[in-house]
Amino acid sequence: MSTAILEDKEILTKEILQLKEEKNALILAHNYQRAEIQDLADIIGDSLELSRAAAKTNNPIIVFCGVHFMAESASILSPDKIVLLPEITAGCPMADMITVEGPRRTDRKEYRDLLGIVFEFADAFTLRDLKSKYPAAPVVCYVNTSAAVKAESDICCTSSNALKVVESLKEDTVIMVPDRNLSAYVAKRTKKKIITWDGFCHVHQRVSAANINSLRAEHPEAVVIVHPECPLEIQDMADHIASTSGILRLAKEIDKKEFIIGTEEGLGHRLKKENPDKEFYFAYEHMVCPNMKRITLRSLRNALRDMQYVIKVPDDIRVKAKRALDRMLEV
């Protein structure tokens, strides 16, 4: 790293810390953020974990270093606080694959053939269209969705509690949106019929059996831990399936020195800091979410300095979305 870049980093870091103190702001960073952003954050973690933690603080300003739906969740749980998203273009392609009313559709044929025996794909353009086809089925929405989709759902779930949430419902048929891979994970472990949206995370979807087999050949003693957003074939190859927080926990608990990790490589920063004597190999080279990496020290500084970009969920949506989140927390 050049001297000029190091000096710029030091200047920006100093400005950020000064602005944070002046404005009594709380900086949240998702596990997939750049290392330098994680190092400056007050709290690092999963998306909902961060929003819940922020709601318990007295800071009037929350700077969410993540993507749009995460900042929305912070606004839902902390309506009286100012929530800033440093990069307004930091979105989530999977969350954008489903809307309440606007048309969204992905190509289903290939994955219908691959996974159709596990659950039924929803042939619908919008969430409301899907609900009209299955009026008796409650909607379980992954937290990786917009506030509007949460408001249209009955209950939310995370990657770690999705099965428990589905099992808590009395109905035998359940709609799950938007991730087909998380739905496949649940469908394999429940007797309920799962109707799923055909959405996916492009980062996790790219993990292949060849990736895992190649790494296992190189590191035969390594433990394979993958996120449930990975395809079902990859889940079946893994030793453990876990959320990012679950991966962090397992890496500490398992008495092994090598791990093959099936999630975004930003998690590697925490994995290495918390387990300096262990080695972590990510499923494929450059397993990166570009949206998660949009936020830089400069954009974080600008957000605090200029109070941009404010994410505020309207009350009519916020109240309904919070109801879905609260119902999940009751489970």
Protein backbone atom coordinates (compact mmCIF):
# COMPACT_ATOMS: atom_id res chain seq x y z
CA MET A 1 0.00 0.00 0.00
CA SER A 2 1.47 3.38 -1.03
CA THR A 3 2.31 6.11 1.46
CA ALA A 4 -0.36 8.38 -0.05
CA ILE A 5 -3.07 5.75 0.42
CA LEU A 6 -1.97 5.10 4.00
CA GLU A 7 -2.03 8.83 4.77
CA ASP A 8 -5.49 9.15 3.20
CA LYS A 9 -6.71 6.22 5.29
CA GLU A 10 -5.34 7.77 8.48
CA ILE A 11 -6.94 11.15 7.71
CA LEU A 12 -10.33 9.60 6.92
CA THR A 13 -10.22 7.40 10.01
CA LYS A 14 -9.46 10.41 12.20
CA GLU A 15 -12.30 12.40 10.64
CA ILE A 16 -14.76 9.53 11.06
CA LEU A 17 -13.94 9.05 14.73
CA GLN A 18 -14.19 12.79 15.37
CA LEU A 19 -17.54 13.11 13.58
CA LYS A 20 -18.88 10.02 15.32
CA GLU A 21 -18.06 11.52 18.72
CA GLU A 22 -19.42 14.97 17.83
CA LYS A 23 -22.75 13.57 16.64
CA ASN A 24 -23.01 10.71 19.13
CA ALA A 25 -23.47 8.33 16.21
CA LEU A 26 -23.40 4.55 16.29
CA ILE A 27 -21.60 2.77 13.45
CA LEU A 28 -22.88 -0.69 12.51
CA ALA A 29 -21.01 -2.97 10.11
CA HIS A 30 -22.25 -6.18 8.57
CA ASN A 31 -19.90 -9.17 8.63
CA TYR A 32 -19.36 -8.82 4.86
CA GLN A 33 -18.09 -5.23 4.96
CA ARG A 34 -14.54 -4.19 4.11
CA ALA A 35 -11.99 -4.89 6.86
CA GLU A 36 -11.32 -1.19 7.49
CA ILE A 37 -15.04 -0.54 7.94
CA GLN A 38 -15.39 -3.43 10.39
CA ASP A 39 -12.42 -2.12 12.35
CA LEU A 40 -14.15 1.26 12.82
CA ALA A 41 -17.56 -0.11 13.72
CA ASP A 42 -19.05 -0.07 17.19
CA ILE A 43 -20.93 -3.31 16.48
CA ILE A 44 -20.28 -5.99 13.85
CA GLY A 45 -22.73 -8.78 13.04
CA ASP A 46 -25.64 -10.14 11.02
CA SER A 47 -28.20 -7.71 9.65
CA LEU A 48 -31.05 -8.17 12.12
CA GLU A 49 -28.66 -8.70 15.01
CA LEU A 50 -27.24 -5.24 14.30
CA SER A 51 -30.63 -3.52 14.10
CA ARG A 52 -31.78 -5.09 17.35
CA ALA A 53 -28.56 -4.05 19.11
CA ALA A 54 -28.86 -0.48 17.79
CA ALA A 55 -32.43 -0.20 19.07
CA LYS A 56 -31.14 -0.76 22.62
CA THR A 57 -28.68 2.17 22.49
CA ASN A 58 -29.20 5.86 23.21
CA ASN A 59 -27.39 7.06 20.08
CA PRO A 60 -29.66 9.36 18.02
CA ILE A 61 -27.87 8.51 14.77
CA ILE A 62 -27.26 5.04 13.31
CA VAL A 63 -24.84 4.67 10.42
CA PHE A 64 -25.53 1.28 8.86
CA CYS A 65 -22.63 -0.07 6.83
CA GLY A 66 -24.53 -2.72 4.92
CA VAL A 67 -27.17 -2.71 2.20
CA HIS A 68 -30.53 -0.99 1.80
CA PHE A 69 -32.86 -3.56 3.39
CA MET A 70 -30.63 -3.64 6.48
CA ALA A 71 -30.90 0.12 6.98
CA GLU A 72 -34.65 -0.26 6.56
CA SER A 73 -34.72 -2.84 9.35
CA ALA A 74 -32.87 -0.39 11.60
CA SER A 75 -35.46 2.26 10.76
CA ILE A 76 -38.29 -0.18 11.53
CA LEU A 77 -36.88 -0.99 14.98
CA SER A 78 -35.63 2.55 15.76
CA PRO A 79 -38.22 4.90 14.21
CA ASP A 80 -37.15 7.86 16.36
CA LYS A 81 -33.52 7.66 15.25
CA ILE A 82 -31.83 8.92 12.10
CA VAL A 83 -30.59 5.97 10.05
CA LEU A 84 -27.89 6.66 7.47
CA LEU A 85 -26.77 4.38 4.63
CA PRO A 86 -23.34 5.63 3.42
CA GLU A 87 -23.89 4.39 -0.16
CA ILE A 88 -27.43 4.76 -1.48
CA THR A 89 -26.64 2.36 -4.36
CA ALA A 90 -25.74 -0.46 -1.94
CA GLY A 91 -28.66 -2.78 -2.57
CA CYS A 92 -29.29 -6.52 -2.37
CA PRO A 93 -30.03 -8.27 -5.69
CA MET A 94 -31.87 -11.08 -3.91
CA ALA A 95 -34.10 -8.65 -2.00
CA ASP A 96 -34.82 -6.91 -5.31
CA MET A 97 -36.02 -10.17 -6.86
CA ILE A 98 -39.36 -9.89 -5.10
CA THR A 99 -41.70 -6.92 -4.82
CA VAL A 100 -45.20 -6.44 -3.48
CA GLU A 101 -46.67 -5.13 -6.71
CA GLY A 102 -44.02 -4.33 -9.34
CA PRO A 103 -43.18 -7.10 -11.84
CA ARG A 104 -40.13 -9.21 -11.09
CA ARG A 105 -39.40 -12.60 -12.53
CA THR A 106 -36.36 -14.84 -12.83
CA ASP A 107 -35.74 -17.80 -15.11
CA ARG A 108 -37.10 -20.84 -13.26
CA LYS A 109 -36.68 -23.76 -15.64
CA GLU A 110 -33.17 -24.92 -14.73
CA TYR A 111 -33.79 -24.88 -11.01
CA ARG A 112 -37.28 -26.33 -11.25
CA ASP A 113 -35.66 -29.42 -12.77
CA LEU A 114 -32.93 -29.50 -10.10
CA LEU A 115 -34.93 -28.85 -6.96
CA GLY A 116 -38.58 -29.45 -7.88
CA ILE A 117 -38.73 -32.68 -5.88
CA VAL A 118 -37.93 -30.80 -2.68
CA PHE A 119 -40.45 -27.98 -2.85
CA GLU A 120 -42.77 -26.26 -5.27
CA PHE A 121 -41.71 -23.07 -7.03
CA ALA A 122 -44.22 -20.26 -7.01
CA ASP A 123 -45.34 -19.27 -10.49
CA ALA A 124 -46.13 -15.65 -9.71
CA PHE A 125 -45.03 -12.16 -10.68
CA THR A 126 -45.46 -10.40 -7.32
CA LEU A 127 -45.93 -11.29 -3.69
CA ARG A 128 -49.60 -10.29 -3.81
CA ASP A 129 -50.05 -12.44 -6.90
CA LEU A 130 -48.52 -15.36 -5.01
CA LYS A 131 -50.71 -14.77 -1.96
CA SER A 132 -53.82 -14.78 -4.14
CA LYS A 133 -52.86 -18.24 -5.46
CA TYR A 134 -52.43 -19.64 -1.94
CA PRO A 135 -54.78 -17.54 0.24
CA ALA A 136 -54.66 -19.95 3.20
CA ALA A 137 -50.85 -20.15 3.33
CA PRO A 138 -48.99 -17.80 5.69
CA VAL A 139 -46.02 -15.91 4.24
CA VAL A 140 -42.62 -16.34 5.88
CA CYS A 141 -40.22 -13.73 4.57
CA TYR A 142 -36.47 -13.81 5.00
CA VAL A 143 -35.07 -10.66 6.62
CA ASN A 144 -33.22 -10.13 3.33
CA THR A 145 -36.26 -8.37 1.87
CA SER A 146 -37.56 -4.83 1.60
CA ALA A 147 -39.67 -3.26 4.33
CA ALA A 148 -42.64 -3.37 1.93
CA VAL A 149 -42.31 -7.15 1.51
CA LYS A 150 -42.00 -7.59 5.28
CA ALA A 151 -45.17 -5.55 5.72
CA GLU A 152 -46.98 -7.86 3.30
CA SER A 153 -45.80 -10.99 5.14
CA ASP A 154 -47.10 -12.78 8.22
CA ILE A 155 -43.78 -13.45 9.91
CA CYS A 156 -40.08 -12.92 9.27
CA CYS A 157 -37.22 -15.37 9.64
CA THR A 158 -33.45 -15.33 9.64
CA SER A 159 -31.12 -17.95 8.17
CA SER A 160 -30.60 -19.40 11.65
CA ASN A 161 -34.25 -19.62 12.77
CA ALA A 162 -36.10 -20.28 9.48
CA LEU A 163 -36.96 -23.89 10.32
CA LYS A 164 -38.17 -23.00 13.82
CA VAL A 165 -40.36 -20.21 12.41
CA VAL A 166 -41.94 -22.51 9.81
CA GLU A 167 -42.53 -25.24 12.40
CA SER A 168 -44.23 -22.70 14.68
CA LEU A 169 -47.04 -22.16 12.16
CA LYS A 170 -50.20 -24.29 12.37
CA GLU A 171 -50.75 -24.43 8.60
CA ASP A 172 -49.48 -27.39 6.56
CA THR A 173 -48.65 -25.25 3.53
CA VAL A 174 -46.32 -22.27 3.93
CA ILE A 175 -45.05 -19.64 1.50
CA MET A 176 -41.36 -18.74 1.86
CA VAL A 177 -39.75 -15.77 0.10
CA PRO A 178 -37.43 -14.90 -1.54
CA ASP A 179 -34.53 -17.38 -1.29
CA ARG A 180 -35.04 -20.77 -2.94
CA ASN A 181 -31.96 -22.20 -1.22
CA LEU A 182 -33.00 -21.28 2.30
CA SER A 183 -36.43 -22.66 1.40
CA ALA A 184 -34.81 -25.92 0.25
CA TYR A 185 -32.94 -26.13 3.54
CA VAL A 186 -36.24 -25.83 5.45
CA ALA A 187 -38.22 -28.09 3.08
CA LYS A 188 -35.77 -30.92 3.63
CA ARG A 189 -36.32 -30.72 7.39
CA THR A 190 -40.07 -30.23 7.68
CA LYS A 191 -43.20 -32.18 6.70
CA LYS A 192 -44.91 -28.97 5.66
CA LYS A 193 -45.35 -28.12 1.99
CA ILE A 194 -43.14 -25.17 1.08
CA ILE A 195 -44.13 -22.81 -1.72
CA THR A 196 -41.08 -20.74 -2.53
CA TRP A 197 -40.11 -17.75 -4.58
CA ASP A 198 -37.35 -18.34 -7.11
CA GLY A 199 -34.87 -15.85 -5.67
CA PHE A 200 -31.24 -16.37 -4.72
CA CYS A 201 -28.03 -14.68 -3.59
CA HIS A 202 -25.71 -14.58 -6.59
CA VAL A 203 -22.62 -14.88 -4.35
CA HIS A 204 -23.75 -18.08 -2.63
CA GLN A 205 -25.41 -19.48 -5.75
CA ARG A 206 -22.06 -19.60 -7.54
CA VAL A 207 -20.57 -22.16 -5.15
CA SER A 208 -20.16 -25.43 -7.04
CA ALA A 209 -19.49 -29.03 -6.09
CA ALA A 210 -16.22 -28.74 -8.00
CA ASN A 211 -15.19 -25.83 -5.73
CA ILE A 212 -15.79 -27.88 -2.58
CA ASN A 213 -14.21 -31.06 -3.94
CA SER A 214 -11.11 -29.20 -5.07
CA LEU A 215 -10.61 -27.55 -1.69
CA ARG A 216 -11.24 -30.82 0.13
CA ALA A 217 -8.58 -32.50 -1.99
CA GLU A 218 -6.11 -29.75 -1.02
CA HIS A 219 -7.17 -29.68 2.65
CA PRO A 220 -8.51 -33.15 3.56
CA GLU A 221 -8.73 -32.35 7.28
CA ALA A 222 -10.72 -29.14 6.78
CA VAL A 223 -14.25 -28.74 8.13
CA VAL A 224 -16.76 -27.50 5.54
CA ILE A 225 -19.25 -24.90 6.81
CA VAL A 226 -21.64 -23.25 4.37
CA HIS A 227 -24.42 -20.69 4.55
CA PRO A 228 -27.98 -21.94 3.82
CA GLU A 229 -28.13 -19.46 0.93
CA CYS A 230 -25.87 -21.93 -0.91
CA PRO A 231 -27.56 -24.41 -3.29
CA LEU A 232 -28.98 -27.58 -1.77
CA GLU A 233 -26.29 -29.70 -3.45
CA ILE A 234 -23.64 -27.69 -1.60
CA GLN A 235 -25.54 -27.87 1.69
CA ASP A 236 -25.59 -31.66 1.35
CA MET A 237 -21.80 -31.71 0.92
CA ALA A 238 -21.11 -29.62 4.02
CA ASP A 239 -20.23 -30.76 7.53
CA HIS A 240 -22.25 -27.87 8.95
CA ILE A 241 -24.80 -25.35 7.63
CA ALA A 242 -24.93 -22.05 9.51
CA SER A 243 -25.58 -18.31 9.36
CA THR A 244 -22.60 -15.95 9.52
CA SER A 245 -22.92 -15.77 13.32
CA GLY A 246 -23.18 -19.55 13.38
CA ILE A 247 -20.06 -19.90 11.26
CA LEU A 248 -18.16 -17.63 13.67
CA ARG A 249 -19.34 -19.70 16.63
CA LEU A 250 -18.50 -23.06 15.02
CA ALA A 251 -15.04 -21.88 13.98
CA LYS A 252 -14.28 -21.16 17.64
CA GLU A 253 -15.86 -24.33 19.04
CA ILE A 254 -14.56 -26.94 16.60
CA ASP A 255 -11.13 -28.24 17.50
CA LYS A 256 -9.74 -28.21 13.97
CA LYS A 257 -7.15 -25.99 12.29
CA GLU A 258 -8.59 -25.71 8.77
CA PHE A 259 -12.02 -24.67 7.54
CA ILE A 260 -13.63 -24.38 4.11
CA ILE A 261 -16.18 -21.56 4.26
CA GLY A 262 -19.15 -21.15 1.95
CA THR A 263 -20.10 -17.51 2.40
CA GLU A 264 -18.92 -14.00 1.43
CA GLU A 265 -15.22 -13.58 2.12
CA GLY A 266 -15.71 -10.43 4.20
CA LEU A 267 -16.41 -12.79 7.10
CA GLY A 268 -12.78 -13.88 6.87
CA HIS A 269 -11.65 -10.70 8.63
CA ARG A 270 -13.47 -11.64 11.84
CA LEU A 271 -12.72 -15.33 11.48
CA LYS A 272 -8.98 -14.65 11.36
CA LYS A 273 -9.03 -12.05 14.14
CA GLU A 274 -10.96 -14.36 16.45
CA ASN A 275 -9.04 -17.51 15.46
CA PRO A 276 -5.47 -16.44 14.62
CA ASP A 277 -4.16 -19.99 14.84
CA LYS A 278 -6.62 -21.37 12.27
CA GLU A 279 -6.81 -21.24 8.46
CA PHE A 280 -9.91 -20.39 6.43
CA TYR A 281 -10.43 -21.12 2.73
CA PHE A 282 -13.40 -19.62 0.95
CA ALA A 283 -15.37 -21.72 -1.52
CA TYR A 284 -14.12 -19.89 -4.60
CA GLU A 285 -11.68 -17.13 -5.43
CA HIS A 286 -13.06 -13.62 -4.95
CA MET A 287 -16.26 -14.75 -3.23
CA VAL A 288 -17.33 -11.13 -2.95
CA CYS A 289 -20.62 -9.22 -2.87
CA PRO A 290 -19.90 -5.97 -4.78
CA ASN A 291 -22.79 -4.21 -3.04
CA MET A 292 -21.37 -5.00 0.38
CA LYS A 293 -18.06 -3.54 -0.70
CA ARG A 294 -19.50 -0.25 -2.00
CA ILE A 295 -19.07 1.45 1.36
CA THR A 296 -15.60 2.88 1.83
CA LEU A 297 -13.95 5.04 4.47
CA ARG A 298 -14.67 8.07 2.29
CA SER A 299 -18.38 7.31 1.93
CA LEU A 300 -18.61 6.59 5.66
CA ARG A 301 -16.97 9.94 6.38
CA ASN A 302 -19.31 11.69 3.94
CA ALA A 303 -22.36 10.08 5.54
CA LEU A 304 -21.43 11.43 8.96
CA ARG A 305 -20.29 14.82 7.69
CA ASP A 306 -23.23 15.50 5.36
CA MET A 307 -25.88 13.37 7.11
CA GLN A 308 -26.48 11.30 3.99
CA TYR A 309 -28.31 9.12 2.97
CA VAL A 310 -31.27 9.01 5.35
CA ILE A 311 -33.34 5.81 5.25
CA LYS A 312 -36.81 6.28 6.74
CA VAL A 313 -39.55 3.66 6.45
CA PRO A 314 -43.03 5.28 6.28
CA ASP A 315 -45.20 4.51 9.30
CA ASP A 316 -47.89 2.68 7.34
CA ILE A 317 -45.27 0.17 6.16
CA ARG A 318 -43.13 0.25 9.30
CA VAL A 319 -45.91 -0.81 11.69
CA LYS A 320 -46.87 -3.83 9.56
CA ALA A 321 -43.25 -4.83 8.96
CA LYS A 322 -42.48 -4.58 12.68
CA ARG A 323 -45.44 -6.85 13.40
CA ALA A 324 -43.83 -9.55 11.22
CA LEU A 325 -40.49 -9.08 12.97
CA ASP A 326 -42.07 -9.11 16.43
CA ARG A 327 -43.94 -12.31 15.65
CA MET A 328 -40.62 -13.93 14.72
CA LEU A 329 -39.03 -12.76 17.97
CA GLU A 330 -41.92 -14.30 19.92
CA VAL A 331 -41.02 -17.67 18.35
